[in-house]
Amino acid sequence: MAIKTRGAGGRTGKILGAGLRTLGRSVLNKLPGGDRLERTAIYWAEVGEDWAQTLGELRGAAMKMGQLASQYADVLPPQLGEQLKKLQRSVEPLPFADIAPLLDAQWTAAQRKRVRSVEPQAIAAASIGQVHRAVLSNGAPVVIKVRYPGVVDAVDADVAQLKRLIGLSKLLPVDGSAIDTLMAEVRDRFREETDYAAELGHLQHLRRHAKLAGIVYPKPVEALCADGILVLSEEAGATLEIAKSWPQEVRDALGLALSRWALHQLFVALAVHADPHPGNFAFRPTGELVVYDFGCVKRLSRPVADRVVALLNAAHASHWDDLHGHLTALGGISDGVTTEQLTAFYRELAELILGRLAEAETFDFDDARFITDIRGAIKRNLGLSFKFKPVSDLLFVLRALSGHYWILRALRARVPVIAILAPHGVQLRPGLRPAGVQDDDPKKSS
């Protein structure tokens, strides 16, 4: 069973159909009469149900896009977000009869002899491929990750149609050029995610450059890896749902390992594991975190990482001109927008994010006020959206950090954020809110 890319009943036709239905609903939603809020809620609920069903059937980049959106469900229209959350669940795996020929086509007779057995029932299935347990001839337990047939050819067509779908729905408050930038980055990451040779390279890079205490990576069996096939050591661990019930000291150790790893990737390894779904992690009562799935890894340049450090320090010091300059250099500010137009917003976010993180030496991720207040600030300032542009270099980094936050929140972990930021040059001082938060121009008093 290959993923179809063309034809009236194929992928393009299905996504286009969802787009046309969205357009039709949008026109009806704008007609006069009735309760406007109720009609808008019904509109997004219907659009969300349609998108979730369509993208869920298609797998590949189409479904992946829906899963990405579902991770930001809390900043989407709530009716849309609730529907897209359905895409976070595991998909139904393909029958092994569709998978076995892919293994036979890629492995030589000598390679096949190295595999004693493969379990026909998949242990996991997602948008790009599925995973089967196996045992090597030497008795070693492994997992075999197999890419769905046809998924590579579908990426470009999926992204092009999804761009139209987003445009028709008016979902994102950004202009056409910003959407082009956003979708180009999404397309590049999705293309890379279907390339299992690239995934193997990412895994090897992180094993070399982000080898930290508390982090466990699977070991690749390179002699059996091939086009569309990855063979890795099986690394067991509990789910997040189970780890949530463990003692506080274990959850704190897991939170520390995850936080150190996230920052080390960003500022040292310059490669960020950017698929932060909880299913891509396993947890051990020893405080170790097992990491899976390296298809979506964002590589960064040293200047970009250094710019992020400078940006954070400028925000914490309330140097708004410097902060604005760093964002502009990263391509995140629309033409003609000045520091003065955004100072109040900068100040509010700096206080709510960095100020809260710096209140004490240990930050308690069980504090619901943190994310609630940040969301509130963003929603109150939606009118400023067009003054910003998506930063392609950081799009998937922010996705990773957002996913990590929710894992830390689920663990109710207490993490020494100030201490683990300091070695990377981010200087937060305990008990100190951003300087001059009551001053319109903090630099005047410095």
Foldseek 3Di string as FASTA:
>chain_A
DAQDADDCPHLLVLLVVLLVVLLVLVVVLPDDDDDNVVSVLVSLLVSLQSQLVSQLVRFALSLVVLQLVLLVCVLFNVSNNVSSVVSLDFHQADFLVQVVVVLVVWDDPVLVLQWPDWDRHFPTHHRFWTKIWTATPVGFIKIKTFGGHHNLVNLVSSLVSVLSSCVSNVRAPEDPVLSVLVSVLSSVLSNQLLFVVSLVVQLVLCVPQQVDPQEDEWAWPVVSDGGRMTMTGDDDAAALVVLLPDDQVLLQLLLQSLLLSLLSCLQTSQKHQQPLSSVQWGGDSVSHIYGHRRSRIAGHDNVLSVLVLQLLQCLLQLVQQSNVVSCVVLVWFDPPDDSLVCSLLSLQVQQLPLVQLQQAQKHFLLPPCSVVSVSVSCVVVVVCSHRTGDRSSCPSSVSNVSSSSVSSNSNRYIYRNQVSCVVSNRHRHHNGGRPPSVPSRRVVVD
